[in-house]
Amino acid sequence: MSTSLYYTATRAAALTDLEHHQLMSVARAYNDEFEFDYETLYFYPTQRADEVLNGSTKISMEPAEMAPSLLHWLAALTQLRHTLPDAHWEVSLDEVDVDWDEERGYSLPGLEDMAAMLEEF
């Protein structure tokens, strides 16, 4: 059994070459910095005319990896959203929507506390 983050960005205008380069640069940086041997950001070919980004990332079910992985990938998705602020973004953990906060970005309730608790062990 596994869980995944799913992410989609849509807008009327296609990506410019500069935006594409910026998105790939953010993804590459977060993928390179990921500390676990598990799935990283993965983008699918777009399926709809208004879709500019579509992807998923499988999350490890290992207790010591789950919270830090989610924190890492939510930070990556926050940075990606900042790169395309005019797009409509949908982010979910399986079937649960991940909330966007203008000040904090993407987050899940209690996730930071869980990660801190796991670091103590």
PDB file of N, CA and C in Angstrom:
ATOM      1  N   MET A   1       0.848  -1.178   0.000  1.00  0.00           N
ATOM      2  CA  MET A   1       0.000   0.000   0.000  1.00  0.00           C
ATOM      3  C   MET A   1       0.892   1.239   0.000  1.00  0.00           C
ATOM      4  N   SER A   2       0.473   2.249  -0.748  1.00  0.00           N
ATOM      5  CA  SER A   2       1.247   3.480  -0.797  1.00  0.00           C
ATOM      6  C   SER A   2       0.307   4.666  -0.875  1.00  0.00           C
ATOM      7  N   THR A   3       0.894   5.817  -0.735  1.00  0.00           N
ATOM      8  CA  THR A   3       0.153   7.065  -0.863  1.00  0.00           C
ATOM      9  C   THR A   3       0.946   7.976  -1.790  1.00  0.00           C
ATOM     10  N   SER A   4       0.256   8.874  -2.464  1.00  0.00           N
ATOM     11  CA  SER A   4       0.926   9.749  -3.420  1.00  0.00           C
ATOM     12  C   SER A   4       0.398  11.165  -3.323  1.00  0.00           C
ATOM     13  N   LEU A   5       1.287  12.103  -3.635  1.00  0.00           N
ATOM     14  CA  LEU A   5       0.901  13.486  -3.850  1.00  0.00           C
ATOM     15  C   LEU A   5       0.584  13.631  -5.329  1.00  0.00           C
ATOM     16  N   TYR A   6      -0.508  14.301  -5.636  1.00  0.00           N
ATOM     17  CA  TYR A   6      -0.888  14.583  -7.016  1.00  0.00           C
ATOM     18  C   TYR A   6      -0.962  16.093  -7.175  1.00  0.00           C
ATOM     19  N   TYR A   7      -0.496  16.606  -8.314  1.00  0.00           N
ATOM     20  CA  TYR A   7      -0.474  18.043  -8.512  1.00  0.00           C
ATOM     21  C   TYR A   7      -0.743  18.379  -9.976  1.00  0.00           C
ATOM     22  N   THR A   8      -1.558  19.417 -10.149  1.00  0.00           N
ATOM     23  CA  THR A   8      -1.929  19.884 -11.479  1.00  0.00           C
ATOM     24  C   THR A   8      -2.012  21.401 -11.456  1.00  0.00           C
ATOM     25  N   ALA A   9      -1.481  22.021 -12.497  1.00  0.00           N
ATOM     26  CA  ALA A   9      -1.611  23.462 -12.681  1.00  0.00           C
ATOM     27  C   ALA A   9      -2.245  23.694 -14.047  1.00  0.00           C
ATOM     28  N   THR A  10      -3.267  24.557 -14.073  1.00  0.00           N
ATOM     29  CA  THR A  10      -3.954  24.874 -15.324  1.00  0.00           C
ATOM     30  C   THR A  10      -4.037  26.384 -15.497  1.00  0.00           C
ATOM     31  N   ARG A  11      -4.058  26.792 -16.754  1.00  0.00           N
ATOM     32  CA  ARG A  11      -4.309  28.187 -17.117  1.00  0.00           C
ATOM     33  C   ARG A  11      -4.511  28.240 -18.620  1.00  0.00           C
ATOM     34  N   ALA A  12      -5.042  29.347 -19.090  1.00  0.00           N
ATOM     35  CA  ALA A  12      -5.355  29.479 -20.516  1.00  0.00           C
ATOM     36  C   ALA A  12      -4.087  29.554 -21.379  1.00  0.00           C
ATOM     37  N   ALA A  13      -3.059  30.228 -20.888  1.00  0.00           N
ATOM     38  CA  ALA A  13      -1.830  30.414 -21.672  1.00  0.00           C
ATOM     39  C   ALA A  13      -0.869  29.252 -21.462  1.00  0.00           C
ATOM     40  N   ALA A  14      -0.263  28.808 -22.533  1.00  0.00           N
ATOM     41  CA  ALA A  14       0.754  27.751 -22.454  1.00  0.00           C
ATOM     42  C   ALA A  14       1.992  28.268 -21.731  1.00  0.00           C
ATOM     43  N   LEU A  15       2.839  27.353 -21.270  1.00  0.00           N
ATOM     44  CA  LEU A  15       4.100  27.745 -20.637  1.00  0.00           C
ATOM     45  C   LEU A  15       5.014  28.407 -21.653  1.00  0.00           C
ATOM     46  N   THR A  16       5.699  29.450 -21.207  1.00  0.00           N
ATOM     47  CA  THR A  16       6.761  30.012 -22.030  1.00  0.00           C
ATOM     48  C   THR A  16       8.006  29.148 -21.841  1.00  0.00           C
ATOM     49  N   ASP A  17       8.985  29.317 -22.710  1.00  0.00           N
ATOM     50  CA  ASP A  17      10.234  28.573 -22.542  1.00  0.00           C
ATOM     51  C   ASP A  17      10.894  28.913 -21.216  1.00  0.00           C
ATOM     52  N   LEU A  18      10.855  30.186 -20.822  1.00  0.00           N
ATOM     53  CA  LEU A  18      11.448  30.608 -19.556  1.00  0.00           C
ATOM     54  C   LEU A  18      10.731  29.949 -18.377  1.00  0.00           C
ATOM     55  N   GLU A  19       9.402  29.932 -18.388  1.00  0.00           N
ATOM     56  CA  GLU A  19       8.653  29.297 -17.302  1.00  0.00           C
ATOM     57  C   GLU A  19       8.964  27.806 -17.232  1.00  0.00           C
ATOM     58  N   HIS A  20       9.009  27.151 -18.368  1.00  0.00           N
ATOM     59  CA  HIS A  20       9.334  25.725 -18.397  1.00  0.00           C
ATOM     60  C   HIS A  20      10.710  25.492 -17.779  1.00  0.00           C
ATOM     61  N   HIS A  21      11.675  26.304 -18.175  1.00  0.00           N
ATOM     62  CA  HIS A  21      13.026  26.178 -17.631  1.00  0.00           C
ATOM     63  C   HIS A  21      13.024  26.400 -16.116  1.00  0.00           C
ATOM     64  N   GLN A  22      12.291  27.406 -15.638  1.00  0.00           N
ATOM     65  CA  GLN A  22      12.235  27.692 -14.203  1.00  0.00           C
ATOM     66  C   GLN A  22      11.591  26.534 -13.430  1.00  0.00           C
ATOM     67  N   LEU A  23      10.497  25.989 -13.944  1.00  0.00           N
ATOM     68  CA  LEU A  23       9.841  24.858 -13.284  1.00  0.00           C
ATOM     69  C   LEU A  23      10.767  23.645 -13.211  1.00  0.00           C
ATOM     70  N   MET A  24      11.440  23.353 -14.298  1.00  0.00           N
ATOM     71  CA  MET A  24      12.342  22.203 -14.325  1.00  0.00           C
ATOM     72  C   MET A  24      13.538  22.424 -13.392  1.00  0.00           C
ATOM     73  N   SER A  25      13.991  23.658 -13.286  1.00  0.00           N
ATOM     74  CA  SER A  25      15.097  23.982 -12.395  1.00  0.00           C
ATOM     75  C   SER A  25      14.697  23.768 -10.935  1.00  0.00           C
ATOM     76  N   VAL A  26      13.502  24.211 -10.566  1.00  0.00           N
ATOM     77  CA  VAL A  26      12.995  23.997  -9.201  1.00  0.00           C
ATOM     78  C   VAL A  26      12.868  22.498  -8.938  1.00  0.00           C
ATOM     79  N   ALA A  27      12.253  21.774  -9.854  1.00  0.00           N
ATOM     80  CA  ALA A  27      12.065  20.329  -9.677  1.00  0.00           C
ATOM     81  C   ALA A  27      13.405  19.617  -9.549  1.00  0.00           C
ATOM     82  N   ARG A  28      14.352  19.954 -10.395  1.00  0.00           N
ATOM     83  CA  ARG A  28      15.674  19.313 -10.352  1.00  0.00           C
ATOM     84  C   ARG A  28      16.358  19.579  -9.013  1.00  0.00           C
ATOM     85  N   ALA A  29      16.278  20.811  -8.520  1.00  0.00           N
ATOM     86  CA  ALA A  29      16.915  21.156  -7.243  1.00  0.00           C
ATOM     87  C   ALA A  29      16.298  20.345  -6.099  1.00  0.00           C
ATOM     88  N   TYR A  30      14.973  20.287  -6.032  1.00  0.00           N
ATOM     89  CA  TYR A  30      14.329  19.530  -4.955  1.00  0.00           C
ATOM     90  C   TYR A  30      14.570  18.036  -5.107  1.00  0.00           C
ATOM     91  N   ASN A  31      14.564  17.534  -6.323  1.00  0.00           N
ATOM     92  CA  ASN A  31      14.848  16.106  -6.530  1.00  0.00           C
ATOM     93  C   ASN A  31      16.265  15.776  -6.079  1.00  0.00           C
ATOM     94  N   ASP A  32      17.224  16.642  -6.410  1.00  0.00           N
ATOM     95  CA  ASP A  32      18.622  16.409  -6.036  1.00  0.00           C
ATOM     96  C   ASP A  32      18.830  16.487  -4.526  1.00  0.00           C
ATOM     97  N   GLU A  33      18.051  17.335  -3.847  1.00  0.00           N
ATOM     98  CA  GLU A  33      18.201  17.527  -2.405  1.00  0.00           C
ATOM     99  C   GLU A  33      17.464  16.471  -1.578  1.00  0.00           C
ATOM    100  N   PHE A  34      16.624  15.663  -2.204  1.00  0.00           N
ATOM    101  CA  PHE A  34      15.815  14.696  -1.472  1.00  0.00           C
ATOM    102  C   PHE A  34      16.720  13.665  -0.825  1.00  0.00           C
ATOM    103  N   GLU A  35      16.565  13.458   0.482  1.00  0.00           N
ATOM    104  CA  GLU A  35      17.506  12.636   1.241  1.00  0.00           C
ATOM    105  C   GLU A  35      17.194  11.139   1.253  1.00  0.00           C
ATOM    106  N   PHE A  36      16.028  10.750   0.781  1.00  0.00           N
ATOM    107  CA  PHE A  36      15.652   9.338   0.833  1.00  0.00           C
ATOM    108  C   PHE A  36      15.738   8.695  -0.548  1.00  0.00           C
ATOM    109  N   ASP A  37      15.896   7.391  -0.555  1.00  0.00           N
ATOM    110  CA  ASP A  37      15.943   6.636  -1.804  1.00  0.00           C
ATOM    111  C   ASP A  37      14.519   6.229  -2.158  1.00  0.00           C
ATOM    112  N   TYR A  38      13.763   7.202  -2.672  1.00  0.00           N
ATOM    113  CA  TYR A  38      12.367   6.963  -2.989  1.00  0.00           C
ATOM    114  C   TYR A  38      11.987   7.865  -4.156  1.00  0.00           C
ATOM    115  N   GLU A  39      10.762   7.790  -4.586  1.00  0.00           N
ATOM    116  CA  GLU A  39      10.297   8.533  -5.753  1.00  0.00           C
ATOM    117  C   GLU A  39      10.420  10.045  -5.557  1.00  0.00           C
ATOM    118  N   THR A  40      10.729  10.736  -6.644  1.00  0.00           N
ATOM    119  CA  THR A  40      10.858  12.191  -6.629  1.00  0.00           C
ATOM    120  C   THR A  40       9.738  12.810  -7.468  1.00  0.00           C
ATOM    121  N   LEU A  41       9.807  14.128  -7.691  1.00  0.00           N
ATOM    122  CA  LEU A  41       8.795  14.790  -8.512  1.00  0.00           C
ATOM    123  C   LEU A  41       8.794  14.169  -9.902  1.00  0.00           C
ATOM    124  N   TYR A  42       7.610  13.898 -10.404  1.00  0.00           N
ATOM    125  CA  TYR A  42       7.481  13.311 -11.735  1.00  0.00           C
ATOM    126  C   TYR A  42       6.343  14.013 -12.463  1.00  0.00           C
ATOM    127  N   PHE A  43       6.646  14.515 -13.654  1.00  0.00           N
ATOM    128  CA  PHE A  43       5.645  15.222 -14.451  1.00  0.00           C
ATOM    129  C   PHE A  43       5.196  14.362 -15.617  1.00  0.00           C
ATOM    130  N   TYR A  44       3.882  14.282 -15.799  1.00  0.00           N
ATOM    131  CA  TYR A  44       3.291  13.549 -16.916  1.00  0.00           C
ATOM    132  C   TYR A  44       3.153  14.481 -18.114  1.00  0.00           C
ATOM    133  N   PRO A  45       3.050  13.930 -19.294  1.00  0.00           N
ATOM    134  CA  PRO A  45       2.678  14.772 -20.436  1.00  0.00           C
ATOM    135  C   PRO A  45       1.288  15.369 -20.167  1.00  0.00           C
ATOM    136  N   THR A  46       1.101  16.610 -20.539  1.00  0.00           N
ATOM    137  CA  THR A  46      -0.190  17.257 -20.291  1.00  0.00           C
ATOM    138  C   THR A  46      -1.283  16.570 -21.115  1.00  0.00           C
ATOM    139  N   GLN A  47      -2.480  16.505 -20.534  1.00  0.00           N
ATOM    140  CA  GLN A  47      -3.602  15.811 -21.153  1.00  0.00           C
ATOM    141  C   GLN A  47      -4.667  16.754 -21.722  1.00  0.00           C
ATOM    142  N   ARG A  48      -4.736  17.973 -21.188  1.00  0.00           N
ATOM    143  CA  ARG A  48      -5.770  18.925 -21.614  1.00  0.00           C
ATOM    144  C   ARG A  48      -5.094  20.186 -22.131  1.00  0.00           C
ATOM    145  N   ALA A  49      -5.811  20.920 -22.933  1.00  0.00           N
ATOM    146  CA  ALA A  49      -5.265  22.137 -23.537  1.00  0.00           C
ATOM    147  C   ALA A  49      -4.856  23.171 -22.490  1.00  0.00           C
ATOM    148  N   ASP A  50      -5.580  23.248 -21.376  1.00  0.00           N
ATOM    149  CA  ASP A  50      -5.274  24.261 -20.362  1.00  0.00           C
ATOM    150  C   ASP A  50      -4.303  23.776 -19.291  1.00  0.00           C
ATOM    151  N   GLU A  51      -3.878  22.543 -19.378  1.00  0.00           N
ATOM    152  CA  GLU A  51      -2.982  21.964 -18.368  1.00  0.00           C
ATOM    153  C   GLU A  51      -1.532  22.342 -18.692  1.00  0.00           C
ATOM    154  N   VAL A  52      -0.855  22.941 -17.715  1.00  0.00           N
ATOM    155  CA  VAL A  52       0.545  23.316 -17.926  1.00  0.00           C
ATOM    156  C   VAL A  52       1.510  22.481 -17.087  1.00  0.00           C
ATOM    157  N   LEU A  53       0.995  21.788 -16.082  1.00  0.00           N
ATOM    158  CA  LEU A  53       1.821  20.909 -15.262  1.00  0.00           C
ATOM    159  C   LEU A  53       0.918  19.858 -14.636  1.00  0.00           C
ATOM    160  N   ASN A  54       1.368  18.614 -14.649  1.00  0.00           N
ATOM    161  CA  ASN A  54       0.589  17.527 -14.100  1.00  0.00           C
ATOM    162  C   ASN A  54       1.575  16.454 -13.644  1.00  0.00           C
ATOM    163  N   GLY A  55       1.450  16.027 -12.382  1.00  0.00           N
ATOM    164  CA  GLY A  55       2.390  15.013 -11.921  1.00  0.00           C
ATOM    165  C   GLY A  55       1.975  14.365 -10.627  1.00  0.00           C
ATOM    166  N   SER A  56       2.850  13.474 -10.177  1.00  0.00           N
ATOM    167  CA  SER A  56       2.621  12.800  -8.902  1.00  0.00           C
ATOM    168  C   SER A  56       3.953  12.362  -8.319  1.00  0.00           C
ATOM    169  N   THR A  57       3.939  12.136  -7.025  1.00  0.00           N
ATOM    170  CA  THR A  57       5.106  11.640  -6.304  1.00  0.00           C
ATOM    171  C   THR A  57       4.622  10.664  -5.252  1.00  0.00           C
ATOM    172  N   LYS A  58       5.110   9.443  -5.321  1.00  0.00           N
ATOM    173  CA  LYS A  58       4.752   8.420  -4.338  1.00  0.00           C
ATOM    174  C   LYS A  58       5.506   8.731  -3.041  1.00  0.00           C
ATOM    175  N   ILE A  59       4.811   8.582  -1.918  1.00  0.00           N
ATOM    176  CA  ILE A  59       5.375   8.878  -0.604  1.00  0.00           C
ATOM    177  C   ILE A  59       5.656   7.569   0.127  1.00  0.00           C
ATOM    178  N   SER A  60       6.844   7.468   0.711  1.00  0.00           N
ATOM    179  CA  SER A  60       7.216   6.285   1.477  1.00  0.00           C
ATOM    180  C   SER A  60       6.275   6.103   2.662  1.00  0.00           C
ATOM    181  N   MET A  61       5.941   4.871   2.948  1.00  0.00           N
ATOM    182  CA  MET A  61       5.102   4.566   4.103  1.00  0.00           C
ATOM    183  C   MET A  61       5.941   4.280   5.356  1.00  0.00           C
ATOM    184  N   GLU A  62       7.270   4.333   5.230  1.00  0.00           N
ATOM    185  CA  GLU A  62       8.142   4.168   6.395  1.00  0.00           C
ATOM    186  C   GLU A  62       7.903   5.338   7.336  1.00  0.00           C
ATOM    187  N   PRO A  63       7.554   5.081   8.597  1.00  0.00           N
ATOM    188  CA  PRO A  63       7.242   6.171   9.523  1.00  0.00           C
ATOM    189  C   PRO A  63       8.328   7.246   9.617  1.00  0.00           C
ATOM    190  N   ALA A  64       9.585   6.859   9.610  1.00  0.00           N
ATOM    191  CA  ALA A  64      10.669   7.841   9.743  1.00  0.00           C
ATOM    192  C   ALA A  64      10.864   8.680   8.481  1.00  0.00           C
ATOM    193  N   GLU A  65      10.302   8.244   7.361  1.00  0.00           N
ATOM    194  CA  GLU A  65      10.476   8.959   6.090  1.00  0.00           C
ATOM    195  C   GLU A  65       9.239   9.733   5.658  1.00  0.00           C
ATOM    196  N   MET A  66       8.069   9.313   6.113  1.00  0.00           N
ATOM    197  CA  MET A  66       6.836   9.896   5.603  1.00  0.00           C
ATOM    198  C   MET A  66       6.728  11.401   5.851  1.00  0.00           C
ATOM    199  N   ALA A  67       6.799  11.841   7.094  1.00  0.00           N
ATOM    200  CA  ALA A  67       6.629  13.264   7.412  1.00  0.00           C
ATOM    201  C   ALA A  67       7.723  14.129   6.780  1.00  0.00           C
ATOM    202  N   PRO A  68       9.020  13.755   6.907  1.00  0.00           N
ATOM    203  CA  PRO A  68      10.039  14.583   6.257  1.00  0.00           C
ATOM    204  C   PRO A  68       9.882  14.632   4.736  1.00  0.00           C
ATOM    205  N   SER A  69       9.449  13.520   4.147  1.00  0.00           N
ATOM    206  CA  SER A  69       9.227  13.502   2.695  1.00  0.00           C
ATOM    207  C   SER A  69       8.096  14.440   2.300  1.00  0.00           C
ATOM    208  N   LEU A  70       6.996  14.363   3.035  1.00  0.00           N
ATOM    209  CA  LEU A  70       5.867  15.248   2.735  1.00  0.00           C
ATOM    210  C   LEU A  70       6.251  16.713   2.898  1.00  0.00           C
ATOM    211  N   LEU A  71       6.979  17.037   3.960  1.00  0.00           N
ATOM    212  CA  LEU A  71       7.429  18.426   4.152  1.00  0.00           C
ATOM    213  C   LEU A  71       8.288  18.883   2.974  1.00  0.00           C
ATOM    214  N   HIS A  72       9.180  18.019   2.530  1.00  0.00           N
ATOM    215  CA  HIS A  72      10.069  18.352   1.418  1.00  0.00           C
ATOM    216  C   HIS A  72       9.271  18.602   0.138  1.00  0.00           C
ATOM    217  N   TRP A  73       8.360  17.682  -0.194  1.00  0.00           N
ATOM    218  CA  TRP A  73       7.622  17.811  -1.453  1.00  0.00           C
ATOM    219  C   TRP A  73       6.593  18.928  -1.407  1.00  0.00           C
ATOM    220  N   LEU A  74       6.017  19.208  -0.244  1.00  0.00           N
ATOM    221  CA  LEU A  74       5.103  20.345  -0.154  1.00  0.00           C
ATOM    222  C   LEU A  74       5.864  21.659  -0.309  1.00  0.00           C
ATOM    223  N   ALA A  75       7.087  21.713   0.201  1.00  0.00           N
ATOM    224  CA  ALA A  75       7.930  22.904  -0.029  1.00  0.00           C
ATOM    225  C   ALA A  75       8.240  23.041  -1.517  1.00  0.00           C
ATOM    226  N   ALA A  76       8.509  21.924  -2.190  1.00  0.00           N
ATOM    227  CA  ALA A  76       8.786  21.960  -3.629  1.00  0.00           C
ATOM    228  C   ALA A  76       7.561  22.462  -4.392  1.00  0.00           C
ATOM    229  N   LEU A  77       6.388  21.954  -4.038  1.00  0.00           N
ATOM    230  CA  LEU A  77       5.166  22.382  -4.722  1.00  0.00           C
ATOM    231  C   LEU A  77       4.853  23.852  -4.435  1.00  0.00           C
ATOM    232  N   THR A  78       5.176  24.299  -3.242  1.00  0.00           N
ATOM    233  CA  THR A  78       5.020  25.726  -2.928  1.00  0.00           C
ATOM    234  C   THR A  78       5.905  26.563  -3.840  1.00  0.00           C
ATOM    235  N   GLN A  79       7.149  26.152  -4.014  1.00  0.00           N
ATOM    236  CA  GLN A  79       8.070  26.879  -4.885  1.00  0.00           C
ATOM    237  C   GLN A  79       7.595  26.826  -6.343  1.00  0.00           C
ATOM    238  N   LEU A  80       7.103  25.681  -6.780  1.00  0.00           N
ATOM    239  CA  LEU A  80       6.575  25.574  -8.142  1.00  0.00           C
ATOM    240  C   LEU A  80       5.387  26.515  -8.335  1.00  0.00           C
ATOM    241  N   ARG A  81       4.520  26.581  -7.332  1.00  0.00           N
ATOM    242  CA  ARG A  81       3.357  27.483  -7.429  1.00  0.00           C
ATOM    243  C   ARG A  81       3.811  28.936  -7.481  1.00  0.00           C
ATOM    244  N   HIS A  82       4.826  29.291  -6.717  1.00  0.00           N
ATOM    245  CA  HIS A  82       5.356  30.657  -6.768  1.00  0.00           C
ATOM    246  C   HIS A  82       5.945  30.964  -8.151  1.00  0.00           C
ATOM    247  N   THR A  83       6.418  29.950  -8.837  1.00  0.00           N
ATOM    248  CA  THR A  83       6.963  30.123 -10.182  1.00  0.00           C
ATOM    249  C   THR A  83       5.847  30.399 -11.190  1.00  0.00           C
ATOM    250  N   LEU A  84       4.666  29.831 -10.963  1.00  0.00           N
ATOM    251  CA  LEU A  84       3.496  30.041 -11.831  1.00  0.00           C
ATOM    252  C   LEU A  84       2.314  30.544 -11.006  1.00  0.00           C
ATOM    253  N   PRO A  85       2.402  31.772 -10.488  1.00  0.00           N
ATOM    254  CA  PRO A  85       1.359  32.245  -9.571  1.00  0.00           C
ATOM    255  C   PRO A  85       0.003  32.480 -10.244  1.00  0.00           C
ATOM    256  N   ASP A  86      -0.016  32.642 -11.566  1.00  0.00           N
ATOM    257  CA  ASP A  86      -1.283  32.921 -12.246  1.00  0.00           C
ATOM    258  C   ASP A  86      -2.035  31.658 -12.668  1.00  0.00           C
ATOM    259  N   ALA A  87      -1.477  30.497 -12.372  1.00  0.00           N
ATOM    260  CA  ALA A  87      -2.144  29.236 -12.703  1.00  0.00           C
ATOM    261  C   ALA A  87      -3.081  28.820 -11.574  1.00  0.00           C
ATOM    262  N   HIS A  88      -4.055  28.005 -11.903  1.00  0.00           N
ATOM    263  CA  HIS A  88      -4.935  27.390 -10.901  1.00  0.00           C
ATOM    264  C   HIS A  88      -4.286  26.062 -10.509  1.00  0.00           C
ATOM    265  N   TRP A  89      -4.001  25.895  -9.227  1.00  0.00           N
ATOM    266  CA  TRP A  89      -3.295  24.713  -8.734  1.00  0.00           C
ATOM    267  C   TRP A  89      -4.228  23.814  -7.943  1.00  0.00           C
ATOM    268  N   GLU A  90      -4.087  22.513  -8.145  1.00  0.00           N
ATOM    269  CA  GLU A  90      -4.766  21.510  -7.342  1.00  0.00           C
ATOM    270  C   GLU A  90      -3.709  20.536  -6.846  1.00  0.00           C
ATOM    271  N   VAL A  91      -3.634  20.383  -5.524  1.00  0.00           N
ATOM    272  CA  VAL A  91      -2.674  19.471  -4.898  1.00  0.00           C
ATOM    273  C   VAL A  91      -3.448  18.605  -3.926  1.00  0.00           C
ATOM    274  N   SER A  92      -3.184  17.308  -3.988  1.00  0.00           N
ATOM    275  CA  SER A  92      -3.872  16.400  -3.061  1.00  0.00           C
ATOM    276  C   SER A  92      -2.932  15.281  -2.627  1.00  0.00           C
ATOM    277  N   LEU A  93      -3.202  14.779  -1.453  1.00  0.00           N
ATOM    278  CA  LEU A  93      -2.535  13.589  -0.932  1.00  0.00           C
ATOM    279  C   LEU A  93      -3.567  12.491  -1.063  1.00  0.00           C
ATOM    280  N   ASP A  94      -3.371  11.651  -2.066  1.00  0.00           N
ATOM    281  CA  ASP A  94      -4.407  10.718  -2.499  1.00  0.00           C
ATOM    282  C   ASP A  94      -5.681  11.523  -2.751  1.00  0.00           C
ATOM    283  N   GLU A  95      -6.728  11.293  -1.989  1.00  0.00           N
ATOM    284  CA  GLU A  95      -7.996  11.982  -2.265  1.00  0.00           C
ATOM    285  C   GLU A  95      -8.273  13.145  -1.317  1.00  0.00           C
ATOM    286  N   VAL A  96      -7.265  13.537  -0.529  1.00  0.00           N
ATOM    287  CA  VAL A  96      -7.418  14.641   0.422  1.00  0.00           C
ATOM    288  C   VAL A  96      -6.730  15.884  -0.144  1.00  0.00           C
ATOM    289  N   ASP A  97      -7.504  16.960  -0.326  1.00  0.00           N
ATOM    290  CA  ASP A  97      -6.928  18.197  -0.829  1.00  0.00           C
ATOM    291  C   ASP A  97      -5.915  18.763   0.164  1.00  0.00           C
ATOM    292  N   VAL A  98      -4.821  19.281  -0.360  1.00  0.00           N
ATOM    293  CA  VAL A  98      -3.806  19.940   0.457  1.00  0.00           C
ATOM    294  C   VAL A  98      -4.070  21.436   0.366  1.00  0.00           C
ATOM    295  N   ASP A  99      -4.244  22.062   1.512  1.00  0.00           N
ATOM    296  CA  ASP A  99      -4.601  23.472   1.556  1.00  0.00           C
ATOM    297  C   ASP A  99      -3.432  24.375   1.191  1.00  0.00           C
ATOM    298  N   TRP A 100      -3.761  25.495   0.562  1.00  0.00           N
ATOM    299  CA  TRP A 100      -2.797  26.540   0.227  1.00  0.00           C
ATOM    300  C   TRP A 100      -3.011  27.702   1.181  1.00  0.00           C
ATOM    301  N   ASP A 101      -1.924  28.200   1.715  1.00  0.00           N
ATOM    302  CA  ASP A 101      -1.938  29.379   2.567  1.00  0.00           C
ATOM    303  C   ASP A 101      -0.974  30.382   1.956  1.00  0.00           C
ATOM    304  N   GLU A 102      -1.421  31.609   1.739  1.00  0.00           N
ATOM    305  CA  GLU A 102      -0.582  32.613   1.069  1.00  0.00           C
ATOM    306  C   GLU A 102       0.735  32.868   1.793  1.00  0.00           C
ATOM    307  N   GLU A 103       0.767  32.731   3.112  1.00  0.00           N
ATOM    308  CA  GLU A 103       1.992  32.987   3.871  1.00  0.00           C
ATOM    309  C   GLU A 103       2.870  31.748   4.014  1.00  0.00           C
ATOM    310  N   ARG A 104       2.251  30.575   4.206  1.00  0.00           N
ATOM    311  CA  ARG A 104       3.013  29.355   4.487  1.00  0.00           C
ATOM    312  C   ARG A 104       3.159  28.431   3.289  1.00  0.00           C
ATOM    313  N   GLY A 105       2.318  28.588   2.291  1.00  0.00           N
ATOM    314  CA  GLY A 105       2.350  27.682   1.155  1.00  0.00           C
ATOM    315  C   GLY A 105       1.500  26.458   1.424  1.00  0.00           C
ATOM    316  N   TYR A 106       1.894  25.315   0.850  1.00  0.00           N
ATOM    317  CA  TYR A 106       1.153  24.068   1.046  1.00  0.00           C
ATOM    318  C   TYR A 106       1.534  23.435   2.376  1.00  0.00           C
ATOM    319  N   SER A 107       0.518  22.942   3.089  1.00  0.00           N
ATOM    320  CA  SER A 107       0.788  22.289   4.365  1.00  0.00           C
ATOM    321  C   SER A 107      -0.366  21.360   4.725  1.00  0.00           C
ATOM    322  N   LEU A 108      -0.059  20.445   5.619  1.00  0.00           N
ATOM    323  CA  LEU A 108      -1.064  19.541   6.179  1.00  0.00           C
ATOM    324  C   LEU A 108      -1.061  19.728   7.688  1.00  0.00           C
ATOM    325  N   PRO A 109      -2.231  19.767   8.313  1.00  0.00           N
ATOM    326  CA  PRO A 109      -2.304  19.968   9.771  1.00  0.00           C
ATOM    327  C   PRO A 109      -1.491  18.919  10.532  1.00  0.00           C
ATOM    328  N   GLY A 110      -0.644  19.390  11.438  1.00  0.00           N
ATOM    329  CA  GLY A 110       0.119  18.507  12.307  1.00  0.00           C
ATOM    330  C   GLY A 110       1.373  17.904  11.692  1.00  0.00           C
ATOM    331  N   LEU A 111       1.616  18.139  10.427  1.00  0.00           N
ATOM    332  CA  LEU A 111       2.751  17.507   9.759  1.00  0.00           C
ATOM    333  C   LEU A 111       4.093  17.965  10.328  1.00  0.00           C
ATOM    334  N   GLU A 112       4.243  19.248  10.583  1.00  0.00           N
ATOM    335  CA  GLU A 112       5.506  19.754  11.137  1.00  0.00           C
ATOM    336  C   GLU A 112       5.749  19.193  12.536  1.00  0.00           C
ATOM    337  N   ASP A 113       4.693  19.086  13.332  1.00  0.00           N
ATOM    338  CA  ASP A 113       4.827  18.510  14.676  1.00  0.00           C
ATOM    339  C   ASP A 113       5.251  17.046  14.601  1.00  0.00           C
ATOM    340  N   MET A 114       4.666  16.321  13.655  1.00  0.00           N
ATOM    341  CA  MET A 114       5.013  14.908  13.490  1.00  0.00           C
ATOM    342  C   MET A 114       6.473  14.756  13.072  1.00  0.00           C
ATOM    343  N   ALA A 115       6.922  15.594  12.153  1.00  0.00           N
ATOM    344  CA  ALA A 115       8.314  15.527  11.700  1.00  0.00           C
ATOM    345  C   ALA A 115       9.265  15.849  12.843  1.00  0.00           C
ATOM    346  N   ALA A 116       8.938  16.855  13.658  1.00  0.00           N
ATOM    347  CA  ALA A 116       9.772  17.219  14.801  1.00  0.00           C
ATOM    348  C   ALA A 116       9.838  16.091  15.812  1.00  0.00           C
ATOM    349  N   MET A 117       8.713  15.453  16.051  1.00  0.00           N
ATOM    350  CA  MET A 117       8.668  14.351  16.994  1.00  0.00           C
ATOM    351  C   MET A 117       9.549  13.176  16.497  1.00  0.00           C
ATOM    352  N   LEU A 118       9.481  12.892  15.208  1.00  0.00           N
ATOM    353  CA  LEU A 118      10.287  11.792  14.651  1.00  0.00           C
ATOM    354  C   LEU A 118      11.776  12.098  14.720  1.00  0.00           C
ATOM    355  N   GLU A 119      12.148  13.373  14.616  1.00  0.00           N
ATOM    356  CA  GLU A 119      13.577  13.735  14.699  1.00  0.00           C
ATOM    357  C   GLU A 119      14.146  13.445  16.085  1.00  0.00           C
ATOM    358  N   GLU A 120      13.295  13.506  17.100  1.00  0.00           N
ATOM    359  CA  GLU A 120      13.755  13.252  18.459  1.00  0.00           C
ATOM    360  C   GLU A 120      14.128  11.794  18.694  1.00  0.00           C
ATOM    361  N   PHE A 121      13.578  10.917  17.895  1.00  0.00           N
ATOM    362  CA  PHE A 121      13.855   9.484  18.079  1.00  0.00           C
ATOM    363  C   PHE A 121      15.042   9.073  17.330  1.00  0.00           C
TER     364      PHE A 121
END
